[in-house]
N, C-alpha and C. Protein backbone atom coordinates (compact mmCIF):
# COMPACT_ATOMS: atom_id res chain seq x y z
N MET A 1 -70.28 -70.53 -56.49
CA MET A 1 -70.01 -69.20 -56.07
C MET A 1 -70.93 -68.91 -55.01
N LEU A 2 -72.26 -69.41 -55.03
CA LEU A 2 -73.07 -69.14 -53.76
C LEU A 2 -72.48 -69.53 -52.33
N CYS A 3 -72.07 -70.77 -52.64
CA CYS A 3 -71.35 -71.57 -51.64
C CYS A 3 -70.51 -70.77 -50.74
N VAL A 4 -69.58 -69.77 -51.29
CA VAL A 4 -68.65 -69.23 -51.02
C VAL A 4 -69.05 -67.95 -50.38
N PHE A 5 -70.21 -67.52 -50.92
CA PHE A 5 -71.36 -66.33 -50.35
C PHE A 5 -71.61 -66.58 -49.00
N TYR A 6 -72.28 -68.01 -49.10
CA TYR A 6 -72.83 -68.35 -47.67
C TYR A 6 -71.63 -68.53 -46.88
N ALA A 7 -70.79 -69.09 -47.18
CA ALA A 7 -69.61 -69.41 -46.16
C ALA A 7 -68.95 -68.23 -45.48
N VAL A 8 -68.50 -67.21 -46.45
CA VAL A 8 -67.89 -65.62 -45.82
C VAL A 8 -69.10 -65.14 -45.00
N LEU A 9 -70.19 -65.19 -45.55
CA LEU A 9 -71.46 -64.49 -44.71
C LEU A 9 -71.33 -65.24 -43.37
N THR A 10 -71.54 -66.55 -43.19
CA THR A 10 -71.39 -67.31 -41.84
C THR A 10 -70.38 -66.72 -41.03
N LEU A 11 -69.22 -66.78 -41.57
CA LEU A 11 -68.04 -66.30 -40.75
C LEU A 11 -68.02 -64.99 -40.16
N ALA A 12 -68.66 -64.32 -41.27
CA ALA A 12 -68.70 -62.45 -40.70
C ALA A 12 -69.68 -62.54 -39.80
N LEU A 13 -70.86 -63.22 -39.93
CA LEU A 13 -72.02 -63.36 -38.78
C LEU A 13 -71.46 -63.88 -37.50
N VAL A 14 -70.89 -64.91 -37.46
CA VAL A 14 -70.17 -65.45 -36.13
C VAL A 14 -69.21 -64.39 -35.56
N CYS A 15 -68.45 -63.77 -36.50
CA CYS A 15 -67.34 -62.54 -35.80
C CYS A 15 -68.24 -61.63 -35.42
N MET A 16 -69.64 -61.17 -35.77
CA MET A 16 -70.56 -60.13 -35.24
C MET A 16 -71.12 -60.80 -34.19
N LEU A 17 -71.43 -62.10 -33.82
CA LEU A 17 -72.02 -62.20 -32.53
C LEU A 17 -71.10 -62.57 -31.81
N VAL A 18 -69.86 -62.83 -31.76
CA VAL A 18 -68.66 -62.29 -30.79
C VAL A 18 -68.59 -61.12 -30.23
N SER A 19 -68.93 -59.89 -31.33
CA SER A 19 -68.73 -58.55 -31.04
C SER A 19 -69.97 -58.45 -30.41
N VAL A 20 -70.93 -58.82 -30.58
CA VAL A 20 -72.14 -58.27 -29.24
C VAL A 20 -71.70 -58.80 -27.86
N ILE A 21 -71.27 -60.16 -28.03
CA ILE A 21 -70.74 -60.22 -26.56
C ILE A 21 -69.79 -59.68 -25.97
N TRP A 22 -68.94 -59.19 -26.84
CA TRP A 22 -67.74 -58.10 -26.20
C TRP A 22 -68.13 -56.94 -26.03
N VAL A 23 -69.11 -56.35 -26.75
CA VAL A 23 -69.59 -54.80 -26.63
C VAL A 23 -70.63 -55.03 -25.28
N VAL A 24 -71.51 -55.96 -25.08
CA VAL A 24 -72.17 -56.03 -23.76
C VAL A 24 -71.41 -56.08 -22.41
N ARG A 25 -70.07 -56.88 -22.59
CA ARG A 25 -69.13 -56.85 -21.63
C ARG A 25 -68.56 -55.37 -21.29
N LEU A 26 -68.26 -54.83 -22.46
CA LEU A 26 -67.81 -53.43 -22.39
C LEU A 26 -68.70 -52.37 -21.56
N TYR A 27 -70.05 -52.58 -22.15
CA TYR A 27 -71.08 -51.67 -21.69
C TYR A 27 -71.08 -51.79 -20.29
N ARG A 28 -71.07 -52.75 -19.70
CA ARG A 28 -71.32 -53.23 -18.34
C ARG A 28 -70.25 -52.33 -17.49
N LEU A 29 -68.94 -52.17 -18.25
CA LEU A 29 -67.90 -51.86 -17.20
C LEU A 29 -68.11 -50.24 -17.43
N THR A 30 -68.63 -49.90 -18.36
CA THR A 30 -68.76 -48.16 -18.85
C THR A 30 -70.06 -47.36 -18.83
N ARG A 31 -70.96 -48.03 -17.72
CA ARG A 31 -72.10 -47.39 -17.70
C ARG A 31 -71.94 -45.97 -17.23
N GLY A 32 -72.85 -45.11 -18.02
CA GLY A 32 -72.83 -43.84 -17.75
C GLY A 32 -71.53 -42.62 -18.07
N GLY A 33 -71.41 -41.68 -18.12
CA GLY A 33 -70.52 -40.60 -18.39
C GLY A 33 -70.36 -40.48 -20.27
N THR A 34 -69.45 -39.90 -20.44
CA THR A 34 -68.90 -40.26 -21.91
C THR A 34 -68.95 -41.25 -22.49
N ILE A 35 -67.74 -42.03 -21.90
CA ILE A 35 -67.36 -43.14 -22.46
C ILE A 35 -68.62 -44.31 -22.88
N GLY A 36 -69.64 -44.04 -21.57
CA GLY A 36 -70.50 -45.06 -21.39
C GLY A 36 -71.72 -44.74 -22.70
N ARG A 37 -71.74 -43.49 -22.93
CA ARG A 37 -72.76 -43.16 -23.85
C ARG A 37 -72.06 -43.53 -25.38
N VAL A 38 -70.82 -43.48 -25.68
CA VAL A 38 -70.27 -43.76 -26.82
C VAL A 38 -70.41 -45.64 -26.98
N VAL A 39 -70.40 -45.98 -25.87
CA VAL A 39 -70.20 -47.54 -26.12
C VAL A 39 -71.64 -47.94 -26.21
N THR A 40 -72.62 -47.32 -25.67
CA THR A 40 -74.12 -47.54 -25.99
C THR A 40 -74.49 -47.31 -27.46
N ILE A 41 -73.78 -46.23 -28.24
CA ILE A 41 -74.25 -46.12 -29.36
C ILE A 41 -73.50 -47.33 -30.49
N MET A 42 -72.30 -47.49 -30.02
CA MET A 42 -71.33 -48.62 -30.61
C MET A 42 -72.35 -50.10 -30.54
N ALA A 43 -72.79 -50.25 -29.45
CA ALA A 43 -73.49 -51.23 -29.18
C ALA A 43 -74.71 -51.73 -30.05
N GLY A 44 -75.27 -50.27 -30.23
CA GLY A 44 -76.83 -50.19 -30.97
C GLY A 44 -76.01 -50.80 -32.74
N LEU A 45 -75.28 -49.84 -33.12
CA LEU A 45 -74.74 -49.92 -34.44
C LEU A 45 -74.32 -51.40 -34.69
N ILE A 46 -73.66 -52.17 -33.73
CA ILE A 46 -72.92 -53.43 -33.68
C ILE A 46 -74.35 -54.52 -33.82
N CYS A 47 -75.39 -54.46 -33.10
CA CYS A 47 -76.41 -55.16 -33.04
C CYS A 47 -77.37 -54.80 -34.57
N PHE A 48 -77.05 -53.45 -35.09
CA PHE A 48 -77.70 -53.21 -36.43
C PHE A 48 -76.89 -54.12 -37.62
N PHE A 49 -75.40 -54.10 -37.39
CA PHE A 49 -74.55 -54.77 -38.25
C PHE A 49 -75.26 -56.44 -38.27
N THR A 50 -75.30 -56.79 -37.04
CA THR A 50 -75.79 -58.08 -36.91
C THR A 50 -76.66 -58.65 -37.43
N ALA A 51 -77.79 -57.85 -37.53
CA ALA A 51 -79.08 -57.69 -38.10
C ALA A 51 -79.00 -57.89 -39.56
N GLY A 52 -78.02 -57.05 -40.20
CA GLY A 52 -78.02 -56.71 -41.51
C GLY A 52 -77.27 -57.90 -42.00
N TYR A 53 -76.30 -58.56 -41.35
CA TYR A 53 -75.45 -59.77 -41.83
C TYR A 53 -76.53 -60.92 -42.03
N ALA A 54 -77.45 -60.88 -40.80
CA ALA A 54 -78.47 -62.03 -41.00
C ALA A 54 -79.28 -61.88 -42.24
N ALA A 55 -79.93 -60.54 -42.40
CA ALA A 55 -80.74 -60.39 -43.34
C ALA A 55 -79.76 -60.51 -45.01
N ALA A 56 -78.51 -60.60 -44.60
CA ALA A 56 -77.80 -60.53 -46.13
C ALA A 56 -78.00 -62.08 -46.53
N PHE A 57 -78.20 -63.22 -45.98
CA PHE A 57 -78.41 -64.49 -46.18
C PHE A 57 -79.66 -64.38 -47.22
N PHE A 58 -80.46 -63.62 -47.22
CA PHE A 58 -81.78 -63.74 -48.17
C PHE A 58 -81.46 -63.05 -49.53
N VAL A 59 -80.51 -62.22 -49.47
CA VAL A 59 -79.85 -61.31 -50.52
C VAL A 59 -80.30 -61.97 -51.90
N PRO A 60 -79.60 -63.22 -51.97
CA PRO A 60 -79.79 -63.98 -53.23
C PRO A 60 -81.27 -63.99 -53.77
N TYR A 61 -82.59 -63.97 -52.87
CA TYR A 61 -83.73 -64.05 -53.21
C TYR A 61 -84.33 -62.90 -53.16
N LEU A 62 -83.65 -61.74 -53.03
CA LEU A 62 -84.50 -60.54 -53.14
C LEU A 62 -84.07 -59.69 -54.37
N PRO A 63 -85.05 -58.71 -54.76
CA PRO A 63 -84.79 -57.88 -55.98
C PRO A 63 -83.49 -57.36 -55.62
N ALA A 64 -82.69 -56.89 -56.71
CA ALA A 64 -81.62 -56.42 -56.91
C ALA A 64 -81.38 -54.78 -56.18
N THR A 65 -82.42 -54.36 -56.24
CA THR A 65 -82.57 -52.67 -55.72
C THR A 65 -82.65 -52.67 -54.28
N PHE A 66 -83.27 -53.71 -53.60
CA PHE A 66 -83.15 -53.97 -52.49
C PHE A 66 -82.27 -54.19 -51.73
N ALA A 67 -81.30 -55.33 -52.63
CA ALA A 67 -79.97 -55.77 -52.05
C ALA A 67 -78.95 -54.38 -52.23
N MET A 68 -79.20 -53.45 -52.98
CA MET A 68 -78.21 -52.46 -53.45
C MET A 68 -78.41 -51.42 -52.11
N MET A 69 -79.85 -51.47 -51.90
CA MET A 69 -80.03 -50.50 -50.52
C MET A 69 -79.44 -50.97 -49.10
N LEU A 70 -79.54 -52.40 -48.71
CA LEU A 70 -79.15 -53.02 -47.81
C LEU A 70 -77.33 -52.79 -47.64
N THR A 71 -76.88 -53.16 -48.98
CA THR A 71 -75.33 -52.87 -49.10
C THR A 71 -75.25 -51.36 -48.65
N ALA A 72 -75.98 -50.38 -49.42
CA ALA A 72 -75.48 -48.98 -48.90
C ALA A 72 -75.46 -48.67 -47.46
N PHE A 73 -76.78 -49.07 -46.89
CA PHE A 73 -76.88 -48.80 -45.48
C PHE A 73 -75.89 -49.43 -44.49
N VAL A 74 -75.63 -50.61 -44.84
CA VAL A 74 -74.32 -51.30 -44.05
C VAL A 74 -73.16 -50.31 -44.21
N PHE A 75 -72.81 -50.01 -45.41
CA PHE A 75 -71.66 -49.14 -45.61
C PHE A 75 -71.73 -47.72 -44.89
N LEU A 76 -73.08 -46.91 -44.93
CA LEU A 76 -73.13 -45.59 -44.20
C LEU A 76 -72.91 -46.20 -42.54
N PHE A 77 -73.69 -46.80 -42.14
CA PHE A 77 -73.54 -47.03 -40.88
C PHE A 77 -71.98 -47.83 -40.50
N GLY A 78 -71.54 -48.42 -41.36
CA GLY A 78 -70.11 -49.15 -40.88
C GLY A 78 -69.34 -47.78 -40.90
N ALA A 79 -69.33 -46.81 -41.88
CA ALA A 79 -68.78 -45.25 -41.74
C ALA A 79 -68.87 -44.76 -40.55
N ILE A 80 -70.11 -44.67 -40.06
CA ILE A 80 -70.38 -43.93 -38.94
C ILE A 80 -69.95 -44.67 -37.65
N PHE A 81 -69.62 -46.10 -37.58
CA PHE A 81 -69.13 -46.89 -36.83
C PHE A 81 -67.71 -46.45 -36.66
N VAL A 82 -66.93 -46.59 -37.59
CA VAL A 82 -65.65 -46.08 -37.67
C VAL A 82 -65.50 -44.82 -36.78
N LEU A 83 -66.27 -43.96 -37.13
CA LEU A 83 -66.10 -42.44 -36.89
C LEU A 83 -66.43 -42.61 -35.21
N ILE A 84 -67.09 -43.15 -34.78
CA ILE A 84 -67.53 -43.31 -33.23
C ILE A 84 -66.45 -44.07 -32.44
N VAL A 85 -65.62 -45.25 -33.59
CA VAL A 85 -64.62 -45.91 -32.65
C VAL A 85 -63.49 -44.76 -32.54
N LEU A 86 -63.14 -44.21 -33.48
CA LEU A 86 -62.06 -43.39 -33.81
C LEU A 86 -62.13 -42.44 -32.41
N SER A 87 -63.23 -41.73 -32.31
CA SER A 87 -63.97 -40.59 -31.14
C SER A 87 -63.47 -41.44 -29.83
N LEU A 88 -64.03 -42.58 -29.83
CA LEU A 88 -63.94 -43.16 -28.35
C LEU A 88 -62.47 -43.26 -28.06
N ILE A 89 -61.62 -43.83 -29.03
CA ILE A 89 -59.96 -43.96 -28.88
C ILE A 89 -59.57 -42.72 -28.51
N GLY A 90 -60.04 -41.61 -29.05
CA GLY A 90 -59.39 -40.29 -29.04
C GLY A 90 -59.56 -40.01 -27.40
N LYS A 91 -61.04 -40.06 -27.02
CA LYS A 91 -61.16 -39.78 -25.68
C LYS A 91 -60.64 -40.56 -24.63
N THR A 92 -60.44 -41.93 -24.78
CA THR A 92 -59.55 -42.61 -23.99
C THR A 92 -58.17 -42.31 -23.89
N ILE A 93 -57.42 -42.03 -24.94
CA ILE A 93 -56.13 -41.46 -25.13
C ILE A 93 -56.14 -40.36 -24.30
N ARG A 94 -57.00 -39.28 -24.44
CA ARG A 94 -57.02 -38.04 -23.81
C ARG A 94 -57.23 -38.18 -22.41
N ARG A 95 -57.93 -38.89 -21.94
CA ARG A 95 -58.35 -39.13 -20.51
C ARG A 95 -57.17 -39.83 -20.17
N ALA A 96 -56.27 -40.79 -20.78
CA ALA A 96 -54.90 -41.41 -20.04
C ALA A 96 -53.99 -40.29 -19.80
N PHE A 97 -53.77 -39.62 -20.90
CA PHE A 97 -53.06 -38.58 -21.04
C PHE A 97 -53.38 -37.57 -19.57
N GLU A 98 -54.19 -37.07 -19.69
CA GLU A 98 -54.68 -36.28 -18.51
C GLU A 98 -54.31 -36.78 -17.24
N GLN A 99 -54.90 -38.14 -17.19
CA GLN A 99 -54.56 -38.90 -15.80
C GLN A 99 -52.99 -38.96 -15.74
N LEU A 100 -52.34 -39.15 -16.48
CA LEU A 100 -51.01 -39.45 -16.44
C LEU A 100 -50.09 -37.73 -16.07
N GLN A 101 -50.52 -36.76 -16.42
CA GLN A 101 -50.61 -35.58 -16.07
C GLN A 101 -50.65 -35.28 -14.48
N ILE A 102 -51.80 -35.67 -14.19
CA ILE A 102 -52.33 -35.53 -12.64
C ILE A 102 -51.27 -36.41 -11.91
N ASP A 103 -51.00 -37.51 -12.38
CA ASP A 103 -50.31 -38.32 -11.27
C ASP A 103 -48.62 -37.90 -11.40
N GLN A 104 -48.27 -37.26 -12.44
CA GLN A 104 -46.84 -36.53 -12.52
C GLN A 104 -46.81 -35.47 -11.58
N ASP A 105 -47.90 -34.74 -11.57
CA ASP A 105 -47.96 -33.45 -10.72
C ASP A 105 -48.07 -33.33 -9.09
N GLN A 106 -48.23 -34.69 -8.71
CA GLN A 106 -48.69 -35.21 -7.37
C GLN A 106 -47.15 -35.60 -6.76
C-alpha cells in the first residue's frame, strides 16, 4: 500500500511542477492590474501546494498529529485556491463581456 501512496504522490508532484511552469508563464503575461495580482496570489499558492506535496513524502515517518495538520492546511489552502480561481474566471468573463459591449457600440 505504501508503494501506491508514493506512486500517486509522485504523479501529483509532477502535475504540480507542471503547474508551476504554467503559472510562471501566465504571470509573465499578466503583470500588474487586477488579474496580475490574482495570478501572483495563485502562483504563491501553487508553490505552497508543491512544497506540501513534496513534504507529504515524509508523512509515513512523522507523528500522526503532524500529518493531520499538513492535510488540514493543504485542504484549507486548496479551498482558498478554488475561490481565487473562480474569482479570476469571473473577472475575466466580465472583462470579456465589457469588451464585447464596447466593440458592439462602436
